[in-house]
Amino acid sequence: MIDKICEFLTNKIRKEMPDIDDERAEVIFYGLQNIIGEIPKIFITLIVGWILGIFELTLYTFLIIMPYKAFSGGFHLKTHIGCILCTTIYFCGIAFLSKYIILSQTIKYIIIPLIWIFGLWMITLYAPADTENVPILRKKDRKRNKILAYIALTVGLIVALFIPNNEIANILIFGYFIQTLCITKLAYKLTKNKYGYEVYGNA
């Protein structure tokens, strides 16, 4: 159903913009797939969160992580079922861990700077981590997203360091660390993804 909707919209776009070639149309198609495909994944994730008794934390996790995730990027799985499972485990798992793990302030003072340094390094190397199906081709867009990823990571971890709410702090700590792992070369190899520049070259 999602593929049919995306194909219909892609054809409509091509009619309005005849200069779009087959390669660009394929990129548009996969982009629409990712955008439209997010809607059922969000609902399923929230339903699972409700069943597990962590609905509110799952919703918070989604809202808190999405800005950093949007700017830094990350891999995509090849099937809708795989995406749904991964998304559900990703958000519900972080919410679950955040509820039941308590980190002392001393531990936070140690791990937050480490996560920040690791994040800055990975952002420098890989962000924005696009894919061959949804590449970020414009140099201007890549530079903007990289800068915003730096900002989102830094602000999020500063909040995690000082906010008194343990669950929100944990969402920021665990969520930003796991999201950073999702843009790494190892994550792309394990999921058989390619960065956009590996296919289309540097813009």
N, C-alpha and C. Protein backbone atom coordinates (compact mmCIF):
# COMPACT_ATOMS: atom_id res chain seq x y z
N MET A 1 0.83 -1.20 0.00
CA MET A 1 0.00 0.00 0.00
C MET A 1 0.87 1.27 0.00
N ILE A 2 1.88 1.27 0.88
CA ILE A 2 2.77 2.43 0.95
C ILE A 2 3.50 2.64 -0.37
N ASP A 3 3.97 1.52 -0.99
CA ASP A 3 4.68 1.62 -2.26
C ASP A 3 3.78 2.20 -3.35
N LYS A 4 2.50 1.81 -3.36
CA LYS A 4 1.56 2.30 -4.38
C LYS A 4 1.31 3.80 -4.21
N ILE A 5 1.17 4.22 -2.94
CA ILE A 5 0.96 5.65 -2.67
C ILE A 5 2.18 6.46 -3.11
N CYS A 6 3.36 5.95 -2.78
CA CYS A 6 4.61 6.66 -3.14
C CYS A 6 4.81 6.69 -4.66
N GLU A 7 4.46 5.60 -5.32
CA GLU A 7 4.57 5.56 -6.79
C GLU A 7 3.62 6.57 -7.42
N PHE A 8 2.40 6.65 -6.90
CA PHE A 8 1.41 7.61 -7.41
C PHE A 8 1.92 9.04 -7.24
N LEU A 9 2.42 9.35 -6.04
CA LEU A 9 2.92 10.71 -5.78
C LEU A 9 4.15 11.04 -6.63
N THR A 10 5.02 10.05 -6.82
CA THR A 10 6.22 10.27 -7.65
C THR A 10 5.82 10.58 -9.09
N ASN A 11 4.85 9.83 -9.60
CA ASN A 11 4.38 10.08 -10.98
C ASN A 11 3.74 11.46 -11.11
N LYS A 12 3.02 11.87 -10.07
CA LYS A 12 2.40 13.20 -10.10
C LYS A 12 3.48 14.30 -10.12
N ILE A 13 4.53 14.09 -9.33
CA ILE A 13 5.63 15.05 -9.29
C ILE A 13 6.33 15.12 -10.64
N ARG A 14 6.52 13.96 -11.27
CA ARG A 14 7.19 13.94 -12.58
C ARG A 14 6.36 14.63 -13.65
N LYS A 15 5.05 14.55 -13.54
CA LYS A 15 4.19 15.24 -14.49
C LYS A 15 4.31 16.75 -14.34
N GLU A 16 4.43 17.18 -13.07
CA GLU A 16 4.56 18.61 -12.79
C GLU A 16 5.96 19.13 -13.11
N MET A 17 6.95 18.23 -13.03
CA MET A 17 8.36 18.61 -13.27
C MET A 17 8.98 17.63 -14.26
N PRO A 18 8.74 17.84 -15.55
CA PRO A 18 9.20 16.90 -16.58
C PRO A 18 10.72 16.73 -16.66
N ASP A 19 11.48 17.66 -16.09
CA ASP A 19 12.93 17.60 -16.18
C ASP A 19 13.53 16.56 -15.21
N ILE A 20 12.71 15.97 -14.35
CA ILE A 20 13.20 14.96 -13.41
C ILE A 20 13.47 13.65 -14.16
N ASP A 21 14.71 13.18 -14.10
CA ASP A 21 15.06 11.94 -14.79
C ASP A 21 14.73 10.73 -13.91
N ASP A 22 15.00 9.53 -14.47
CA ASP A 22 14.67 8.30 -13.74
C ASP A 22 15.42 8.17 -12.42
N GLU A 23 16.68 8.60 -12.42
CA GLU A 23 17.49 8.48 -11.20
C GLU A 23 16.95 9.37 -10.10
N ARG A 24 16.61 10.60 -10.44
CA ARG A 24 16.05 11.52 -9.45
C ARG A 24 14.66 11.05 -9.00
N ALA A 25 13.90 10.49 -9.91
CA ALA A 25 12.57 9.99 -9.57
C ALA A 25 12.67 8.85 -8.56
N GLU A 26 13.70 8.03 -8.71
CA GLU A 26 13.90 6.92 -7.77
C GLU A 26 14.25 7.45 -6.39
N VAL A 27 15.06 8.51 -6.35
CA VAL A 27 15.41 9.14 -5.08
C VAL A 27 14.16 9.72 -4.41
N ILE A 28 13.32 10.38 -5.20
CA ILE A 28 12.07 10.95 -4.69
C ILE A 28 11.17 9.84 -4.15
N PHE A 29 11.09 8.74 -4.89
CA PHE A 29 10.25 7.61 -4.48
C PHE A 29 10.68 7.06 -3.12
N TYR A 30 11.98 6.84 -2.97
CA TYR A 30 12.46 6.30 -1.70
C TYR A 30 12.35 7.32 -0.58
N GLY A 31 12.47 8.59 -0.91
CA GLY A 31 12.27 9.63 0.10
C GLY A 31 10.84 9.63 0.61
N LEU A 32 9.89 9.53 -0.31
CA LEU A 32 8.48 9.46 0.07
C LEU A 32 8.19 8.21 0.89
N GLN A 33 8.84 7.11 0.52
CA GLN A 33 8.68 5.86 1.27
C GLN A 33 9.06 6.06 2.73
N ASN A 34 10.17 6.74 2.95
CA ASN A 34 10.64 6.95 4.31
C ASN A 34 9.73 7.89 5.09
N ILE A 35 9.25 8.94 4.42
CA ILE A 35 8.38 9.91 5.09
C ILE A 35 7.04 9.27 5.44
N ILE A 36 6.38 8.67 4.44
CA ILE A 36 5.06 8.07 4.66
C ILE A 36 5.17 6.85 5.56
N GLY A 37 6.26 6.10 5.40
CA GLY A 37 6.44 4.89 6.20
C GLY A 37 6.63 5.17 7.68
N GLU A 38 7.01 6.41 8.02
CA GLU A 38 7.22 6.76 9.42
C GLU A 38 5.91 6.79 10.20
N ILE A 39 4.81 7.12 9.54
CA ILE A 39 3.53 7.30 10.24
C ILE A 39 3.07 6.02 10.93
N PRO A 40 2.93 4.88 10.20
CA PRO A 40 2.52 3.65 10.92
C PRO A 40 3.54 3.19 11.95
N LYS A 41 4.83 3.43 11.69
CA LYS A 41 5.87 3.03 12.65
C LYS A 41 5.71 3.76 13.98
N ILE A 42 5.38 5.04 13.91
CA ILE A 42 5.20 5.83 15.13
C ILE A 42 4.03 5.29 15.93
N PHE A 43 2.90 5.03 15.25
CA PHE A 43 1.72 4.52 15.94
C PHE A 43 1.99 3.16 16.58
N ILE A 44 2.65 2.28 15.85
CA ILE A 44 2.95 0.95 16.37
C ILE A 44 3.88 1.05 17.57
N THR A 45 4.89 1.90 17.47
CA THR A 45 5.83 2.10 18.58
C THR A 45 5.11 2.59 19.83
N LEU A 46 4.21 3.57 19.67
CA LEU A 46 3.48 4.10 20.81
C LEU A 46 2.53 3.07 21.40
N ILE A 47 1.94 2.25 20.55
CA ILE A 47 1.04 1.19 21.05
C ILE A 47 1.83 0.18 21.88
N VAL A 48 2.99 -0.22 21.38
CA VAL A 48 3.84 -1.15 22.14
C VAL A 48 4.28 -0.50 23.45
N GLY A 49 4.61 0.78 23.41
CA GLY A 49 4.97 1.49 24.63
C GLY A 49 3.83 1.49 25.63
N TRP A 50 2.61 1.65 25.15
CA TRP A 50 1.43 1.62 26.03
C TRP A 50 1.24 0.23 26.64
N ILE A 51 1.42 -0.80 25.83
CA ILE A 51 1.29 -2.18 26.32
C ILE A 51 2.34 -2.45 27.41
N LEU A 52 3.54 -1.92 27.23
CA LEU A 52 4.62 -2.13 28.19
C LEU A 52 4.53 -1.21 29.40
N GLY A 53 3.57 -0.31 29.39
CA GLY A 53 3.40 0.61 30.51
C GLY A 53 4.37 1.77 30.50
N ILE A 54 4.93 2.07 29.33
CA ILE A 54 5.90 3.17 29.22
C ILE A 54 5.51 4.11 28.09
N PHE A 55 4.21 4.28 27.88
CA PHE A 55 3.73 5.10 26.77
C PHE A 55 4.28 6.52 26.83
N GLU A 56 4.17 7.14 28.01
CA GLU A 56 4.60 8.53 28.16
C GLU A 56 6.10 8.67 27.91
N LEU A 57 6.87 7.74 28.46
CA LEU A 57 8.33 7.80 28.25
C LEU A 57 8.70 7.53 26.80
N THR A 58 7.95 6.64 26.14
CA THR A 58 8.21 6.36 24.73
C THR A 58 7.95 7.60 23.89
N LEU A 59 6.86 8.30 24.20
CA LEU A 59 6.54 9.54 23.49
C LEU A 59 7.62 10.59 23.74
N TYR A 60 8.05 10.74 24.99
CA TYR A 60 9.14 11.67 25.31
C TYR A 60 10.42 11.30 24.55
N THR A 61 10.70 10.00 24.51
CA THR A 61 11.91 9.53 23.82
C THR A 61 11.88 9.94 22.35
N PHE A 62 10.74 9.74 21.73
CA PHE A 62 10.59 10.10 20.32
C PHE A 62 10.81 11.61 20.12
N LEU A 63 10.17 12.42 20.95
CA LEU A 63 10.26 13.88 20.80
C LEU A 63 11.66 14.40 21.12
N ILE A 64 12.32 13.79 22.10
CA ILE A 64 13.64 14.26 22.53
C ILE A 64 14.74 13.89 21.54
N ILE A 65 14.66 12.68 20.98
CA ILE A 65 15.73 12.19 20.11
C ILE A 65 15.59 12.68 18.67
N MET A 66 14.37 12.93 18.23
CA MET A 66 14.13 13.23 16.82
C MET A 66 14.95 14.41 16.27
N PRO A 67 15.12 15.52 17.01
CA PRO A 67 15.93 16.61 16.43
C PRO A 67 17.36 16.15 16.10
N TYR A 68 18.01 15.48 17.05
CA TYR A 68 19.38 15.00 16.81
C TYR A 68 19.40 13.96 15.70
N LYS A 69 18.40 13.08 15.70
CA LYS A 69 18.30 12.04 14.67
C LYS A 69 18.09 12.66 13.29
N ALA A 70 17.26 13.69 13.21
CA ALA A 70 16.97 14.33 11.93
C ALA A 70 18.21 14.99 11.34
N PHE A 71 19.03 15.60 12.18
CA PHE A 71 20.22 16.31 11.70
C PHE A 71 21.40 15.37 11.45
N SER A 72 21.56 14.35 12.29
CA SER A 72 22.73 13.47 12.16
C SER A 72 22.51 12.34 11.15
N GLY A 73 21.25 11.93 10.93
CA GLY A 73 20.95 10.88 9.96
C GLY A 73 21.02 9.50 10.55
N GLY A 74 21.35 8.52 9.70
CA GLY A 74 21.44 7.14 10.16
C GLY A 74 20.98 6.17 9.09
N PHE A 75 21.24 4.89 9.36
CA PHE A 75 20.93 3.86 8.37
C PHE A 75 19.43 3.61 8.27
N HIS A 76 19.03 2.96 7.18
CA HIS A 76 17.65 2.52 6.98
C HIS A 76 17.66 1.03 6.67
N LEU A 77 16.72 0.30 7.25
CA LEU A 77 16.60 -1.12 6.93
C LEU A 77 15.83 -1.28 5.62
N LYS A 78 16.01 -2.44 4.99
CA LYS A 78 15.52 -2.63 3.62
C LYS A 78 14.04 -2.95 3.52
N THR A 79 13.44 -3.48 4.60
CA THR A 79 12.03 -3.89 4.55
C THR A 79 11.22 -3.08 5.56
N HIS A 80 9.91 -2.97 5.29
CA HIS A 80 9.03 -2.24 6.19
C HIS A 80 8.94 -2.95 7.55
N ILE A 81 8.90 -4.27 7.53
CA ILE A 81 8.82 -5.03 8.79
C ILE A 81 10.08 -4.80 9.61
N GLY A 82 11.23 -4.85 8.95
CA GLY A 82 12.50 -4.60 9.63
C GLY A 82 12.54 -3.20 10.23
N CYS A 83 12.05 -2.21 9.48
CA CYS A 83 12.03 -0.83 9.98
C CYS A 83 11.13 -0.69 11.19
N ILE A 84 9.95 -1.34 11.12
CA ILE A 84 9.00 -1.26 12.23
C ILE A 84 9.60 -1.89 13.49
N LEU A 85 10.20 -3.07 13.34
CA LEU A 85 10.81 -3.75 14.49
C LEU A 85 11.95 -2.93 15.07
N CYS A 86 12.81 -2.41 14.19
CA CYS A 86 13.96 -1.63 14.65
C CYS A 86 13.52 -0.35 15.35
N THR A 87 12.54 0.35 14.76
CA THR A 87 12.04 1.59 15.34
C THR A 87 11.42 1.35 16.71
N THR A 88 10.61 0.28 16.81
CA THR A 88 9.95 -0.05 18.07
C THR A 88 10.96 -0.39 19.16
N ILE A 89 11.93 -1.23 18.81
CA ILE A 89 12.97 -1.60 19.78
C ILE A 89 13.79 -0.38 20.17
N TYR A 90 14.08 0.45 19.20
CA TYR A 90 14.90 1.66 19.41
C TYR A 90 14.25 2.59 20.45
N PHE A 91 13.02 3.02 20.18
CA PHE A 91 12.37 4.00 21.06
C PHE A 91 11.87 3.37 22.36
N CYS A 92 11.21 2.22 22.27
CA CYS A 92 10.71 1.58 23.49
C CYS A 92 11.86 1.08 24.36
N GLY A 93 12.92 0.59 23.72
CA GLY A 93 14.08 0.11 24.47
C GLY A 93 14.74 1.21 25.26
N ILE A 94 14.92 2.37 24.63
CA ILE A 94 15.53 3.51 25.33
C ILE A 94 14.63 3.97 26.48
N ALA A 95 13.31 4.02 26.22
CA ALA A 95 12.37 4.43 27.27
C ALA A 95 12.41 3.45 28.44
N PHE A 96 12.47 2.15 28.14
CA PHE A 96 12.50 1.11 29.18
C PHE A 96 13.76 1.23 30.02
N LEU A 97 14.91 1.38 29.37
CA LEU A 97 16.17 1.53 30.09
C LEU A 97 16.16 2.79 30.95
N SER A 98 15.60 3.86 30.40
CA SER A 98 15.59 5.13 31.12
C SER A 98 14.74 5.08 32.38
N LYS A 99 13.73 4.23 32.37
CA LYS A 99 12.85 4.11 33.52
C LYS A 99 13.50 3.35 34.67
N TYR A 100 14.27 2.31 34.33
CA TYR A 100 14.73 1.38 35.36
C TYR A 100 16.21 1.52 35.74
N ILE A 101 16.97 2.31 34.99
CA ILE A 101 18.38 2.51 35.34
C ILE A 101 18.55 3.87 36.00
N ILE A 102 19.23 3.87 37.12
CA ILE A 102 19.51 5.11 37.85
C ILE A 102 21.01 5.37 37.82
N LEU A 103 21.39 6.51 37.26
CA LEU A 103 22.80 6.89 37.20
C LEU A 103 23.07 7.97 38.24
N SER A 104 24.11 7.77 39.01
CA SER A 104 24.50 8.79 39.99
C SER A 104 25.06 10.00 39.25
N GLN A 105 25.08 11.13 39.95
CA GLN A 105 25.60 12.35 39.33
C GLN A 105 27.07 12.19 38.98
N THR A 106 27.80 11.44 39.80
CA THR A 106 29.23 11.19 39.52
C THR A 106 29.40 10.43 38.21
N ILE A 107 28.58 9.40 38.02
CA ILE A 107 28.63 8.62 36.77
C ILE A 107 28.29 9.50 35.58
N LYS A 108 27.30 10.37 35.76
CA LYS A 108 26.92 11.28 34.67
C LYS A 108 28.09 12.20 34.29
N TYR A 109 28.79 12.69 35.30
CA TYR A 109 29.92 13.58 35.03
C TYR A 109 31.02 12.87 34.24
N ILE A 110 31.05 11.55 34.33
CA ILE A 110 32.08 10.77 33.62
C ILE A 110 31.62 10.41 32.20
N ILE A 111 30.39 9.84 32.10
CA ILE A 111 29.98 9.30 30.80
C ILE A 111 29.48 10.36 29.82
N ILE A 112 28.88 11.43 30.32
CA ILE A 112 28.37 12.45 29.40
C ILE A 112 29.48 13.10 28.58
N PRO A 113 30.61 13.53 29.19
CA PRO A 113 31.71 14.06 28.36
C PRO A 113 32.25 13.04 27.36
N LEU A 114 32.28 11.76 27.76
CA LEU A 114 32.76 10.72 26.85
C LEU A 114 31.82 10.56 25.65
N ILE A 115 30.52 10.56 25.93
CA ILE A 115 29.53 10.46 24.84
C ILE A 115 29.62 11.70 23.95
N TRP A 116 29.84 12.87 24.55
CA TRP A 116 29.95 14.11 23.77
C TRP A 116 31.15 14.07 22.84
N ILE A 117 32.30 13.66 23.37
CA ILE A 117 33.52 13.57 22.55
C ILE A 117 33.34 12.55 21.42
N PHE A 118 32.79 11.39 21.77
CA PHE A 118 32.53 10.35 20.76
C PHE A 118 31.56 10.87 19.69
N GLY A 119 30.50 11.57 20.14
CA GLY A 119 29.52 12.11 19.22
C GLY A 119 30.11 13.14 18.27
N LEU A 120 30.92 14.05 18.81
CA LEU A 120 31.56 15.06 17.97
C LEU A 120 32.44 14.41 16.90
N TRP A 121 33.15 13.38 17.32
CA TRP A 121 34.03 12.65 16.39
C TRP A 121 33.24 12.00 15.28
N MET A 122 32.15 11.29 15.64
CA MET A 122 31.35 10.60 14.64
C MET A 122 30.61 11.57 13.72
N ILE A 123 30.13 12.69 14.28
CA ILE A 123 29.48 13.70 13.45
C ILE A 123 30.46 14.25 12.44
N THR A 124 31.67 14.53 12.89
CA THR A 124 32.71 15.05 11.99
C THR A 124 32.99 14.08 10.85
N LEU A 125 33.03 12.80 11.16
CA LEU A 125 33.34 11.79 10.15
C LEU A 125 32.17 11.47 9.23
N TYR A 126 30.96 11.38 9.78
CA TYR A 126 29.86 10.77 9.02
C TYR A 126 28.59 11.61 8.84
N ALA A 127 28.36 12.58 9.70
CA ALA A 127 27.09 13.32 9.62
C ALA A 127 27.13 14.40 8.53
N PRO A 128 26.00 14.65 7.88
CA PRO A 128 24.76 13.90 8.02
C PRO A 128 24.85 12.55 7.32
N ALA A 129 24.54 11.49 8.05
CA ALA A 129 24.65 10.13 7.51
C ALA A 129 23.41 9.82 6.67
N ASP A 130 23.53 10.06 5.38
CA ASP A 130 22.42 9.77 4.47
C ASP A 130 22.54 8.35 3.94
N THR A 131 21.69 7.99 2.99
CA THR A 131 21.76 6.67 2.37
C THR A 131 21.72 6.84 0.86
N GLU A 132 21.99 5.75 0.15
CA GLU A 132 21.97 5.81 -1.31
C GLU A 132 20.58 6.10 -1.85
N ASN A 133 19.53 5.68 -1.11
CA ASN A 133 18.17 5.90 -1.56
C ASN A 133 17.66 7.30 -1.23
N VAL A 134 18.14 7.85 -0.13
CA VAL A 134 17.75 9.22 0.25
C VAL A 134 19.02 10.03 0.52
N PRO A 135 19.74 10.39 -0.54
CA PRO A 135 21.01 11.11 -0.36
C PRO A 135 20.79 12.59 -0.08
N ILE A 136 21.76 13.20 0.58
CA ILE A 136 21.78 14.65 0.74
C ILE A 136 22.89 15.14 -0.18
N LEU A 137 22.51 15.67 -1.33
CA LEU A 137 23.47 15.93 -2.39
C LEU A 137 24.06 17.34 -2.34
N ARG A 138 23.31 18.28 -1.80
CA ARG A 138 23.80 19.67 -1.81
C ARG A 138 24.77 19.91 -0.66
N LYS A 139 25.92 20.48 -1.00
CA LYS A 139 26.96 20.76 0.00
C LYS A 139 26.43 21.69 1.09
N LYS A 140 25.60 22.64 0.71
CA LYS A 140 25.03 23.59 1.67
C LYS A 140 24.17 22.86 2.70
N ASP A 141 23.36 21.92 2.23
CA ASP A 141 22.48 21.16 3.13
C ASP A 141 23.29 20.28 4.07
N ARG A 142 24.35 19.68 3.56
CA ARG A 142 25.19 18.81 4.38
C ARG A 142 25.88 19.62 5.49
N LYS A 143 26.39 20.78 5.13
CA LYS A 143 27.06 21.63 6.11
C LYS A 143 26.08 22.08 7.19
N ARG A 144 24.88 22.48 6.78
CA ARG A 144 23.87 22.94 7.74
C ARG A 144 23.50 21.83 8.72
N ASN A 145 23.23 20.63 8.19
CA ASN A 145 22.84 19.51 9.04
C ASN A 145 23.95 19.11 10.01
N LYS A 146 25.19 19.16 9.53
CA LYS A 146 26.33 18.82 10.40
C LYS A 146 26.41 19.80 11.57
N ILE A 147 26.29 21.09 11.28
CA ILE A 147 26.35 22.11 12.34
C ILE A 147 25.21 21.92 13.33
N LEU A 148 24.01 21.67 12.82
CA LEU A 148 22.84 21.48 13.69
C LEU A 148 22.97 20.20 14.51
N ALA A 149 23.63 19.18 13.96
CA ALA A 149 23.87 17.95 14.72
C ALA A 149 24.81 18.22 15.88
N TYR A 150 25.87 19.01 15.63
CA TYR A 150 26.78 19.42 16.71
C TYR A 150 26.00 20.13 17.83
N ILE A 151 25.15 21.06 17.42
CA ILE A 151 24.39 21.86 18.39
C ILE A 151 23.42 20.99 19.17
N ALA A 152 22.67 20.13 18.47
CA ALA A 152 21.68 19.27 19.12
C ALA A 152 22.35 18.34 20.13
N LEU A 153 23.46 17.75 19.73
CA LEU A 153 24.20 16.85 20.63
C LEU A 153 24.67 17.60 21.88
N THR A 154 25.27 18.75 21.68
CA THR A 154 25.84 19.51 22.80
C THR A 154 24.75 20.00 23.76
N VAL A 155 23.70 20.58 23.21
CA VAL A 155 22.61 21.09 24.05
C VAL A 155 21.94 19.94 24.81
N GLY A 156 21.67 18.84 24.11
CA GLY A 156 21.02 17.70 24.73
C GLY A 156 21.80 17.14 25.90
N LEU A 157 23.10 17.01 25.73
CA LEU A 157 23.94 16.44 26.79
C LEU A 157 24.15 17.42 27.95
N ILE A 158 24.14 18.72 27.67
CA ILE A 158 24.20 19.70 28.76
C ILE A 158 22.93 19.61 29.60
N VAL A 159 21.80 19.49 28.94
CA VAL A 159 20.53 19.33 29.66
C VAL A 159 20.56 18.06 30.50
N ALA A 160 21.07 16.96 29.92
CA ALA A 160 21.16 15.69 30.64
C ALA A 160 22.01 15.80 31.90
N LEU A 161 23.00 16.65 31.85
CA LEU A 161 23.93 16.80 32.97
C LEU A 161 23.28 17.50 34.16
N PHE A 162 22.36 18.43 33.88
CA PHE A 162 21.83 19.26 34.96
C PHE A 162 20.34 19.03 35.29
N ILE A 163 19.59 18.40 34.41
CA ILE A 163 18.17 18.23 34.67
C ILE A 163 17.97 17.27 35.84
N PRO A 164 17.09 17.59 36.79
CA PRO A 164 16.90 16.72 37.96
C PRO A 164 16.08 15.46 37.67
N ASN A 165 15.33 15.46 36.58
CA ASN A 165 14.51 14.30 36.23
C ASN A 165 15.40 13.19 35.68
N ASN A 166 15.52 12.09 36.43
CA ASN A 166 16.41 10.99 36.05
C ASN A 166 16.01 10.36 34.72
N GLU A 167 14.72 10.18 34.48
CA GLU A 167 14.25 9.50 33.26
C GLU A 167 14.56 10.32 32.01
N ILE A 168 14.32 11.62 32.08
CA ILE A 168 14.61 12.48 30.93
C ILE A 168 16.12 12.53 30.68
N ALA A 169 16.90 12.62 31.74
CA ALA A 169 18.35 12.63 31.60
C ALA A 169 18.83 11.34 30.94
N ASN A 170 18.26 10.21 31.36
CA ASN A 170 18.64 8.92 30.78
C ASN A 170 18.27 8.83 29.31
N ILE A 171 17.10 9.35 28.95
CA ILE A 171 16.69 9.34 27.55
C ILE A 171 17.71 10.09 26.70
N LEU A 172 18.16 11.22 27.20
CA LEU A 172 19.16 12.00 26.47
C LEU A 172 20.50 11.26 26.39
N ILE A 173 20.91 10.66 27.49
CA ILE A 173 22.20 9.97 27.53
C ILE A 173 22.18 8.72 26.66
N PHE A 174 21.23 7.82 26.93
CA PHE A 174 21.17 6.56 26.17
C PHE A 174 20.78 6.82 24.72
N GLY A 175 19.79 7.71 24.54
CA GLY A 175 19.28 7.97 23.20
C GLY A 175 20.31 8.59 22.29
N TYR A 176 21.03 9.59 22.79
CA TYR A 176 22.02 10.26 21.95
C TYR A 176 23.21 9.35 21.66
N PHE A 177 23.57 8.51 22.63
CA PHE A 177 24.65 7.57 22.39
C PHE A 177 24.26 6.54 21.31
N ILE A 178 23.07 5.96 21.45
CA ILE A 178 22.62 4.96 20.48
C ILE A 178 22.43 5.58 19.11
N GLN A 179 21.87 6.79 19.06
CA GLN A 179 21.71 7.47 17.78
C GLN A 179 23.04 7.74 17.12
N THR A 180 24.05 8.10 17.90
CA THR A 180 25.39 8.30 17.34
C THR A 180 25.93 7.02 16.75
N LEU A 181 25.69 5.90 17.42
CA LEU A 181 26.12 4.60 16.87
C LEU A 181 25.47 4.33 15.51
N CYS A 182 24.27 4.82 15.31
CA CYS A 182 23.52 4.55 14.07
C CYS A 182 24.10 5.24 12.84
N ILE A 183 25.01 6.21 13.04
CA ILE A 183 25.59 6.89 11.87
C ILE A 183 26.99 6.35 11.55
N THR A 184 27.48 5.42 12.34
CA THR A 184 28.85 4.95 12.17
C THR A 184 29.01 4.02 10.97
N LYS A 185 30.23 3.88 10.52
CA LYS A 185 30.56 2.99 9.40
C LYS A 185 30.19 1.55 9.73
N LEU A 186 30.43 1.14 10.98
CA LEU A 186 30.12 -0.22 11.39
C LEU A 186 28.63 -0.50 11.28
N ALA A 187 27.80 0.45 11.72
CA ALA A 187 26.35 0.27 11.64
C ALA A 187 25.90 0.14 10.19
N TYR A 188 26.50 0.93 9.31
CA TYR A 188 26.15 0.86 7.89
C TYR A 188 26.57 -0.47 7.27
N LYS A 189 27.71 -0.98 7.68
CA LYS A 189 28.16 -2.27 7.16
C LYS A 189 27.26 -3.40 7.64
N LEU A 190 26.89 -3.37 8.92
CA LEU A 190 26.05 -4.42 9.48
C LEU A 190 24.67 -4.44 8.84
N THR A 191 24.16 -3.27 8.47
CA THR A 191 22.82 -3.18 7.87
C THR A 191 22.86 -3.13 6.34
N LYS A 192 24.07 -3.27 5.78
CA LYS A 192 24.26 -3.28 4.32
C LYS A 192 23.74 -2.00 3.67
N ASN A 193 24.04 -0.87 4.30
CA ASN A 193 23.70 0.43 3.75
C ASN A 193 24.94 1.08 3.16
N LYS A 194 24.74 2.09 2.34
CA LYS A 194 25.83 2.90 1.81
C LYS A 194 25.49 4.36 2.04
N TYR A 195 26.52 5.14 2.39
CA TYR A 195 26.33 6.58 2.48
C TYR A 195 26.09 7.14 1.08
N GLY A 196 25.35 8.26 1.04
CA GLY A 196 25.05 8.86 -0.25
C GLY A 196 26.28 9.18 -1.06
N TYR A 197 27.34 9.70 -0.40
CA TYR A 197 28.55 10.09 -1.13
C TYR A 197 29.27 8.88 -1.74
N GLU A 198 29.06 7.69 -1.16
CA GLU A 198 29.69 6.48 -1.70
C GLU A 198 29.08 6.11 -3.05
N VAL A 199 27.86 6.54 -3.29
CA VAL A 199 27.16 6.21 -4.54
C VAL A 199 27.22 7.37 -5.53
N TYR A 200 26.98 8.58 -5.01
CA TYR A 200 26.86 9.73 -5.91
C TYR A 200 28.08 10.63 -5.89
N GLY A 201 29.03 10.37 -4.99
CA GLY A 201 30.21 11.23 -4.88
C GLY A 201 29.93 12.43 -4.01
N ASN A 202 30.95 13.17 -3.66
CA ASN A 202 30.78 14.35 -2.84
C ASN A 202 30.17 15.48 -3.67
N ALA A 203 29.18 16.12 -3.07
CA ALA A 203 28.50 17.21 -3.78
C ALA A 203 29.36 18.47 -3.79
